[in-house]
Amino acid sequence: MKKQKKGFVLAEATLAEVNKQLKVNLFVILVVGFVLGSNILHFMREKSVFYGVLIAAMVVALFFVIKSRQVLKLKQQELIK
């Protein structure tokens, strides 16, 4: 019987899998960006510490998602060559 993959493993990924992950990654960036914008609007209205902390957390999350996209792009270029 063939073993099923449990998740995405970058070292063993094919070009199709990397392209799929790049699409998912772009969607996540858009969602995080939208939520970040919404939180900024709430913070400007209410001047709440909660929204300030939430904005900081979302910026950190966005940073890591963008970094993971850069790694995926490097893997994609490696697979294309």
PDB file of N, CA and C in Angstrom:
ATOM      1  N   MET A   1       0.822  -1.187   0.000  1.00  0.00           N
ATOM      2  CA  MET A   1       0.000   0.000   0.000  1.00  0.00           C
ATOM      3  C   MET A   1       0.866   1.251   0.000  1.00  0.00           C
ATOM      4  N   LYS A   2       0.379   2.254  -0.645  1.00  0.00           N
ATOM      5  CA  LYS A   2       1.109   3.510  -0.760  1.00  0.00           C
ATOM      6  C   LYS A   2       0.857   4.373   0.476  1.00  0.00           C
ATOM      7  N   LYS A   3       1.936   4.942   1.009  1.00  0.00           N
ATOM      8  CA  LYS A   3       1.782   5.840   2.160  1.00  0.00           C
ATOM      9  C   LYS A   3       1.226   7.173   1.704  1.00  0.00           C
ATOM     10  N   GLN A   4       0.280   7.686   2.461  1.00  0.00           N
ATOM     11  CA  GLN A   4      -0.268   9.005   2.160  1.00  0.00           C
ATOM     12  C   GLN A   4       0.564  10.070   2.852  1.00  0.00           C
ATOM     13  N   LYS A   5       0.712  11.195   2.166  1.00  0.00           N
ATOM     14  CA  LYS A   5       1.406  12.323   2.779  1.00  0.00           C
ATOM     15  C   LYS A   5       0.527  12.929   3.857  1.00  0.00           C
ATOM     16  N   LYS A   6       1.148  13.304   4.953  1.00  0.00           N
ATOM     17  CA  LYS A   6       0.380  13.942   6.022  1.00  0.00           C
ATOM     18  C   LYS A   6       0.236  15.429   5.799  1.00  0.00           C
ATOM     19  N   GLY A   7       1.152  16.031   5.088  1.00  0.00           N
ATOM     20  CA  GLY A   7       1.095  17.469   4.862  1.00  0.00           C
ATOM     21  C   GLY A   7       2.075  17.864   3.785  1.00  0.00           C
ATOM     22  N   PHE A   8       2.233  19.146   3.634  1.00  0.00           N
ATOM     23  CA  PHE A   8       3.129  19.682   2.617  1.00  0.00           C
ATOM     24  C   PHE A   8       4.552  19.674   3.155  1.00  0.00           C
ATOM     25  N   VAL A   9       5.448  19.007   2.429  1.00  0.00           N
ATOM     26  CA  VAL A   9       6.865  18.968   2.783  1.00  0.00           C
ATOM     27  C   VAL A   9       7.619  19.654   1.654  1.00  0.00           C
ATOM     28  N   LEU A  10       8.225  20.783   1.946  1.00  0.00           N
ATOM     29  CA  LEU A  10       8.857  21.593   0.907  1.00  0.00           C
ATOM     30  C   LEU A  10       9.996  20.860   0.214  1.00  0.00           C
ATOM     31  N   ALA A  11      10.772  20.083   0.962  1.00  0.00           N
ATOM     32  CA  ALA A  11      11.921  19.394   0.377  1.00  0.00           C
ATOM     33  C   ALA A  11      11.500  18.351  -0.655  1.00  0.00           C
ATOM     34  N   GLU A  12      10.295  17.783  -0.508  1.00  0.00           N
ATOM     35  CA  GLU A  12       9.825  16.732  -1.410  1.00  0.00           C
ATOM     36  C   GLU A  12       8.766  17.235  -2.386  1.00  0.00           C
ATOM     37  N   ALA A  13       8.543  18.523  -2.443  1.00  0.00           N
ATOM     38  CA  ALA A  13       7.432  19.080  -3.220  1.00  0.00           C
ATOM     39  C   ALA A  13       7.740  19.103  -4.712  1.00  0.00           C
ATOM     40  N   THR A  14       6.688  18.882  -5.490  1.00  0.00           N
ATOM     41  CA  THR A  14       6.791  19.020  -6.937  1.00  0.00           C
ATOM     42  C   THR A  14       6.436  20.459  -7.303  1.00  0.00           C
ATOM     43  N   LEU A  15       6.650  20.786  -8.568  1.00  0.00           N
ATOM     44  CA  LEU A  15       6.346  22.140  -9.029  1.00  0.00           C
ATOM     45  C   LEU A  15       4.855  22.447  -8.883  1.00  0.00           C
ATOM     46  N   ALA A  16       4.002  21.475  -9.174  1.00  0.00           N
ATOM     47  CA  ALA A  16       2.552  21.683  -9.050  1.00  0.00           C
ATOM     48  C   ALA A  16       2.158  21.960  -7.598  1.00  0.00           C
ATOM     49  N   GLU A  17       2.762  21.221  -6.668  1.00  0.00           N
ATOM     50  CA  GLU A  17       2.451  21.433  -5.251  1.00  0.00           C
ATOM     51  C   GLU A  17       2.924  22.803  -4.779  1.00  0.00           C
ATOM     52  N   VAL A  18       4.100  23.220  -5.237  1.00  0.00           N
ATOM     53  CA  VAL A  18       4.623  24.531  -4.852  1.00  0.00           C
ATOM     54  C   VAL A  18       3.725  25.630  -5.407  1.00  0.00           C
ATOM     55  N   ASN A  19       3.288  25.481  -6.657  1.00  0.00           N
ATOM     56  CA  ASN A  19       2.389  26.477  -7.250  1.00  0.00           C
ATOM     57  C   ASN A  19       1.073  26.552  -6.484  1.00  0.00           C
ATOM     58  N   LYS A  20       0.566  25.397  -6.063  1.00  0.00           N
ATOM     59  CA  LYS A  20      -0.680  25.375  -5.279  1.00  0.00           C
ATOM     60  C   LYS A  20      -0.478  26.098  -3.947  1.00  0.00           C
ATOM     61  N   GLN A  21       0.654  25.840  -3.294  1.00  0.00           N
ATOM     62  CA  GLN A  21       0.939  26.494  -2.021  1.00  0.00           C
ATOM     63  C   GLN A  21       1.116  27.999  -2.191  1.00  0.00           C
ATOM     64  N   LEU A  22       1.674  28.418  -3.328  1.00  0.00           N
ATOM     65  CA  LEU A  22       1.811  29.854  -3.593  1.00  0.00           C
ATOM     66  C   LEU A  22       0.445  30.519  -3.731  1.00  0.00           C
ATOM     67  N   LYS A  23      -0.503  29.817  -4.352  1.00  0.00           N
ATOM     68  CA  LYS A  23      -1.863  30.364  -4.474  1.00  0.00           C
ATOM     69  C   LYS A  23      -2.522  30.473  -3.103  1.00  0.00           C
ATOM     70  N   VAL A  24      -2.366  29.430  -2.291  1.00  0.00           N
ATOM     71  CA  VAL A  24      -2.928  29.451  -0.937  1.00  0.00           C
ATOM     72  C   VAL A  24      -2.273  30.565  -0.122  1.00  0.00           C
ATOM     73  N   ASN A  25      -0.962  30.700  -0.281  1.00  0.00           N
ATOM     74  CA  ASN A  25      -0.218  31.724   0.440  1.00  0.00           C
ATOM     75  C   ASN A  25      -0.698  33.120   0.068  1.00  0.00           C
ATOM     76  N   LEU A  26      -0.943  33.353  -1.215  1.00  0.00           N
ATOM     77  CA  LEU A  26      -1.443  34.658  -1.654  1.00  0.00           C
ATOM     78  C   LEU A  26      -2.814  34.942  -1.042  1.00  0.00           C
ATOM     79  N   PHE A  27      -3.675  33.931  -0.992  1.00  0.00           N
ATOM     80  CA  PHE A  27      -4.993  34.089  -0.380  1.00  0.00           C
ATOM     81  C   PHE A  27      -4.858  34.450   1.100  1.00  0.00           C
ATOM     82  N   VAL A  28      -3.939  33.779   1.795  1.00  0.00           N
ATOM     83  CA  VAL A  28      -3.722  34.057   3.220  1.00  0.00           C
ATOM     84  C   VAL A  28      -3.217  35.488   3.412  1.00  0.00           C
ATOM     85  N   ILE A  29      -2.313  35.932   2.536  1.00  0.00           N
ATOM     86  CA  ILE A  29      -1.808  37.307   2.624  1.00  0.00           C
ATOM     87  C   ILE A  29      -2.950  38.299   2.451  1.00  0.00           C
ATOM     88  N   LEU A  30      -3.832  38.038   1.489  1.00  0.00           N
ATOM     89  CA  LEU A  30      -4.965  38.941   1.267  1.00  0.00           C
ATOM     90  C   LEU A  30      -5.899  38.975   2.471  1.00  0.00           C
ATOM     91  N   VAL A  31      -6.181  37.811   3.051  1.00  0.00           N
ATOM     92  CA  VAL A  31      -7.073  37.748   4.215  1.00  0.00           C
ATOM     93  C   VAL A  31      -6.441  38.460   5.411  1.00  0.00           C
ATOM     94  N   VAL A  32      -5.167  38.185   5.667  1.00  0.00           N
ATOM     95  CA  VAL A  32      -4.485  38.830   6.794  1.00  0.00           C
ATOM     96  C   VAL A  32      -4.417  40.340   6.573  1.00  0.00           C
ATOM     97  N   GLY A  33      -4.164  40.761   5.342  1.00  0.00           N
ATOM     98  CA  GLY A  33      -4.138  42.194   5.033  1.00  0.00           C
ATOM     99  C   GLY A  33      -5.489  42.850   5.258  1.00  0.00           C
ATOM    100  N   PHE A  34      -6.565  42.165   4.855  1.00  0.00           N
ATOM    101  CA  PHE A  34      -7.912  42.697   5.062  1.00  0.00           C
ATOM    102  C   PHE A  34      -8.227  42.820   6.553  1.00  0.00           C
ATOM    103  N   VAL A  35      -7.917  41.772   7.310  1.00  0.00           N
ATOM    104  CA  VAL A  35      -8.180  41.795   8.752  1.00  0.00           C
ATOM    105  C   VAL A  35      -7.324  42.868   9.430  1.00  0.00           C
ATOM    106  N   LEU A  36      -6.085  43.013   8.981  1.00  0.00           N
ATOM    107  CA  LEU A  36      -5.212  44.051   9.534  1.00  0.00           C
ATOM    108  C   LEU A  36      -5.786  45.436   9.266  1.00  0.00           C
ATOM    109  N   GLY A  37      -6.262  45.671   8.055  1.00  0.00           N
ATOM    110  CA  GLY A  37      -6.884  46.957   7.732  1.00  0.00           C
ATOM    111  C   GLY A  37      -8.112  47.218   8.583  1.00  0.00           C
ATOM    112  N   SER A  38      -8.916  46.181   8.774  1.00  0.00           N
ATOM    113  CA  SER A  38     -10.108  46.304   9.612  1.00  0.00           C
ATOM    114  C   SER A  38      -9.729  46.636  11.058  1.00  0.00           C
ATOM    115  N   ASN A  39      -8.704  45.966  11.559  1.00  0.00           N
ATOM    116  CA  ASN A  39      -8.252  46.234  12.932  1.00  0.00           C
ATOM    117  C   ASN A  39      -7.711  47.651  13.075  1.00  0.00           C
ATOM    118  N   ILE A  40      -7.026  48.136  12.055  1.00  0.00           N
ATOM    119  CA  ILE A  40      -6.508  49.506  12.099  1.00  0.00           C
ATOM    120  C   ILE A  40      -7.662  50.505  12.166  1.00  0.00           C
ATOM    121  N   LEU A  41      -8.716  50.252  11.385  1.00  0.00           N
ATOM    122  CA  LEU A  41      -9.887  51.140  11.429  1.00  0.00           C
ATOM    123  C   LEU A  41     -10.545  51.124  12.808  1.00  0.00           C
ATOM    124  N   HIS A  42     -10.682  49.927  13.398  1.00  0.00           N
ATOM    125  CA  HIS A  42     -11.262  49.829  14.742  1.00  0.00           C
ATOM    126  C   HIS A  42     -10.388  50.562  15.756  1.00  0.00           C
ATOM    127  N   PHE A  43      -9.073  50.415  15.626  1.00  0.00           N
ATOM    128  CA  PHE A  43      -8.155  51.070  16.554  1.00  0.00           C
ATOM    129  C   PHE A  43      -8.252  52.586  16.439  1.00  0.00           C
ATOM    130  N   MET A  44      -8.364  53.094  15.204  1.00  0.00           N
ATOM    131  CA  MET A  44      -8.475  54.543  15.013  1.00  0.00           C
ATOM    132  C   MET A  44      -9.767  55.078  15.624  1.00  0.00           C
ATOM    133  N   ARG A  45     -10.824  54.273  15.575  1.00  0.00           N
ATOM    134  CA  ARG A  45     -12.102  54.708  16.132  1.00  0.00           C
ATOM    135  C   ARG A  45     -12.119  54.638  17.660  1.00  0.00           C
ATOM    136  N   GLU A  46     -11.645  53.515  18.214  1.00  0.00           N
ATOM    137  CA  GLU A  46     -11.818  53.263  19.640  1.00  0.00           C
ATOM    138  C   GLU A  46     -10.576  53.527  20.486  1.00  0.00           C
ATOM    139  N   LYS A  47      -9.410  53.607  19.885  1.00  0.00           N
ATOM    140  CA  LYS A  47      -8.138  53.788  20.608  1.00  0.00           C
ATOM    141  C   LYS A  47      -7.982  52.755  21.726  1.00  0.00           C
ATOM    142  N   SER A  48      -8.327  51.507  21.415  1.00  0.00           N
ATOM    143  CA  SER A  48      -8.287  50.425  22.387  1.00  0.00           C
ATOM    144  C   SER A  48      -6.921  49.729  22.364  1.00  0.00           C
ATOM    145  N   VAL A  49      -6.432  49.356  23.537  1.00  0.00           N
ATOM    146  CA  VAL A  49      -5.169  48.625  23.646  1.00  0.00           C
ATOM    147  C   VAL A  49      -5.307  47.257  22.982  1.00  0.00           C
ATOM    148  N   PHE A  50      -6.479  46.658  23.101  1.00  0.00           N
ATOM    149  CA  PHE A  50      -6.726  45.348  22.493  1.00  0.00           C
ATOM    150  C   PHE A  50      -6.459  45.389  20.992  1.00  0.00           C
ATOM    151  N   TYR A  51      -6.985  46.390  20.316  1.00  0.00           N
ATOM    152  CA  TYR A  51      -6.770  46.484  18.871  1.00  0.00           C
ATOM    153  C   TYR A  51      -5.317  46.822  18.544  1.00  0.00           C
ATOM    154  N   GLY A  52      -4.654  47.558  19.405  1.00  0.00           N
ATOM    155  CA  GLY A  52      -3.234  47.840  19.207  1.00  0.00           C
ATOM    156  C   GLY A  52      -2.398  46.571  19.257  1.00  0.00           C
ATOM    157  N   VAL A  53      -2.689  45.723  20.244  1.00  0.00           N
ATOM    158  CA  VAL A  53      -1.981  44.445  20.369  1.00  0.00           C
ATOM    159  C   VAL A  53      -2.329  43.539  19.193  1.00  0.00           C
ATOM    160  N   LEU A  54      -3.584  43.541  18.798  1.00  0.00           N
ATOM    161  CA  LEU A  54      -4.020  42.727  17.665  1.00  0.00           C
ATOM    162  C   LEU A  54      -3.333  43.167  16.374  1.00  0.00           C
ATOM    163  N   ILE A  55      -3.168  44.459  16.199  1.00  0.00           N
ATOM    164  CA  ILE A  55      -2.472  44.978  15.013  1.00  0.00           C
ATOM    165  C   ILE A  55      -1.022  44.503  15.017  1.00  0.00           C
ATOM    166  N   ALA A  56      -0.374  44.580  16.162  1.00  0.00           N
ATOM    167  CA  ALA A  56       1.021  44.132  16.251  1.00  0.00           C
ATOM    168  C   ALA A  56       1.135  42.641  15.922  1.00  0.00           C
ATOM    169  N   ALA A  57       0.204  41.840  16.436  1.00  0.00           N
ATOM    170  CA  ALA A  57       0.219  40.402  16.155  1.00  0.00           C
ATOM    171  C   ALA A  57      -0.018  40.126  14.672  1.00  0.00           C
ATOM    172  N   MET A  58      -0.913  40.878  14.065  1.00  0.00           N
ATOM    173  CA  MET A  58      -1.206  40.681  12.640  1.00  0.00           C
ATOM    174  C   MET A  58      -0.023  41.097  11.772  1.00  0.00           C
ATOM    175  N   VAL A  59       0.692  42.132  12.169  1.00  0.00           N
ATOM    176  CA  VAL A  59       1.880  42.559  11.412  1.00  0.00           C
ATOM    177  C   VAL A  59       2.949  41.471  11.481  1.00  0.00           C
ATOM    178  N   VAL A  60       3.137  40.877  12.656  1.00  0.00           N
ATOM    179  CA  VAL A  60       4.105  39.785  12.799  1.00  0.00           C
ATOM    180  C   VAL A  60       3.675  38.589  11.955  1.00  0.00           C
ATOM    181  N   ALA A  61       2.387  38.251  11.990  1.00  0.00           N
ATOM    182  CA  ALA A  61       1.885  37.138  11.179  1.00  0.00           C
ATOM    183  C   ALA A  61       2.086  37.416   9.694  1.00  0.00           C
ATOM    184  N   LEU A  62       1.804  38.628   9.278  1.00  0.00           N
ATOM    185  CA  LEU A  62       1.982  39.006   7.873  1.00  0.00           C
ATOM    186  C   LEU A  62       3.453  38.909   7.471  1.00  0.00           C
ATOM    187  N   PHE A  63       4.347  39.307   8.354  1.00  0.00           N
ATOM    188  CA  PHE A  63       5.781  39.199   8.088  1.00  0.00           C
ATOM    189  C   PHE A  63       6.176  37.747   7.821  1.00  0.00           C
ATOM    190  N   PHE A  64       5.712  36.818   8.678  1.00  0.00           N
ATOM    191  CA  PHE A  64       6.075  35.413   8.506  1.00  0.00           C
ATOM    192  C   PHE A  64       5.431  34.798   7.267  1.00  0.00           C
ATOM    193  N   VAL A  65       4.229  35.202   6.941  1.00  0.00           N
ATOM    194  CA  VAL A  65       3.582  34.689   5.734  1.00  0.00           C
ATOM    195  C   VAL A  65       4.330  35.171   4.493  1.00  0.00           C
ATOM    196  N   ILE A  66       4.756  36.416   4.489  1.00  0.00           N
ATOM    197  CA  ILE A  66       5.517  36.943   3.348  1.00  0.00           C
ATOM    198  C   ILE A  66       6.872  36.246   3.254  1.00  0.00           C
ATOM    199  N   LYS A  67       7.514  35.979   4.383  1.00  0.00           N
ATOM    200  CA  LYS A  67       8.785  35.246   4.369  1.00  0.00           C
ATOM    201  C   LYS A  67       8.587  33.835   3.811  1.00  0.00           C
ATOM    202  N   SER A  68       7.501  33.170   4.195  1.00  0.00           N
ATOM    203  CA  SER A  68       7.247  31.828   3.670  1.00  0.00           C
ATOM    204  C   SER A  68       6.985  31.880   2.168  1.00  0.00           C
ATOM    205  N   ARG A  69       6.369  32.944   1.693  1.00  0.00           N
ATOM    206  CA  ARG A  69       6.152  33.103   0.252  1.00  0.00           C
ATOM    207  C   ARG A  69       7.491  33.237  -0.473  1.00  0.00           C
ATOM    208  N   GLN A  70       8.429  33.958   0.130  1.00  0.00           N
ATOM    209  CA  GLN A  70       9.750  34.094  -0.485  1.00  0.00           C
ATOM    210  C   GLN A  70      10.454  32.743  -0.578  1.00  0.00           C
ATOM    211  N   VAL A  71      10.324  31.914   0.453  1.00  0.00           N
ATOM    212  CA  VAL A  71      10.922  30.578   0.431  1.00  0.00           C
ATOM    213  C   VAL A  71      10.265  29.725  -0.653  1.00  0.00           C
ATOM    214  N   LEU A  72       8.943  29.814  -0.767  1.00  0.00           N
ATOM    215  CA  LEU A  72       8.240  29.068  -1.813  1.00  0.00           C
ATOM    216  C   LEU A  72       8.669  29.522  -3.201  1.00  0.00           C
ATOM    217  N   LYS A  73       8.868  30.815  -3.380  1.00  0.00           N
ATOM    218  CA  LYS A  73       9.323  31.342  -4.676  1.00  0.00           C
ATOM    219  C   LYS A  73      10.713  30.799  -5.017  1.00  0.00           C
ATOM    220  N   LEU A  74      11.600  30.734  -4.017  1.00  0.00           N
ATOM    221  CA  LEU A  74      12.931  30.177  -4.246  1.00  0.00           C
ATOM    222  C   LEU A  74      12.848  28.714  -4.663  1.00  0.00           C
ATOM    223  N   LYS A  75      11.989  27.951  -3.996  1.00  0.00           N
ATOM    224  CA  LYS A  75      11.812  26.536  -4.342  1.00  0.00           C
ATOM    225  C   LYS A  75      11.239  26.405  -5.745  1.00  0.00           C
ATOM    226  N   GLN A  76      10.309  27.279  -6.105  1.00  0.00           N
ATOM    227  CA  GLN A  76       9.721  27.253  -7.441  1.00  0.00           C
ATOM    228  C   GLN A  76      10.797  27.516  -8.494  1.00  0.00           C
ATOM    229  N   GLN A  77      11.641  28.490  -8.266  1.00  0.00           N
ATOM    230  CA  GLN A  77      12.724  28.788  -9.214  1.00  0.00           C
ATOM    231  C   GLN A  77      13.699  27.620  -9.318  1.00  0.00           C
ATOM    232  N   GLU A  78      13.957  26.964  -8.191  1.00  0.00           N
ATOM    233  CA  GLU A  78      14.851  25.807  -8.187  1.00  0.00           C
ATOM    234  C   GLU A  78      14.256  24.655  -8.999  1.00  0.00           C
ATOM    235  N   LEU A  79      12.957  24.445  -8.869  1.00  0.00           N
ATOM    236  CA  LEU A  79      12.307  23.355  -9.598  1.00  0.00           C
ATOM    237  C   LEU A  79      12.185  23.655 -11.086  1.00  0.00           C
ATOM    238  N   ILE A  80      12.078  24.919 -11.441  1.00  0.00           N
ATOM    239  CA  ILE A  80      11.959  25.294 -12.851  1.00  0.00           C
ATOM    240  C   ILE A  80      13.285  25.048 -13.575  1.00  0.00           C
ATOM    241  N   LYS A  81      14.403  25.287 -12.894  1.00  0.00           N
ATOM    242  CA  LYS A  81      15.729  25.108 -13.527  1.00  0.00           C
ATOM    243  C   LYS A  81      16.069  23.661 -13.733  1.00  0.00           C
TER     244      LYS A  81
END
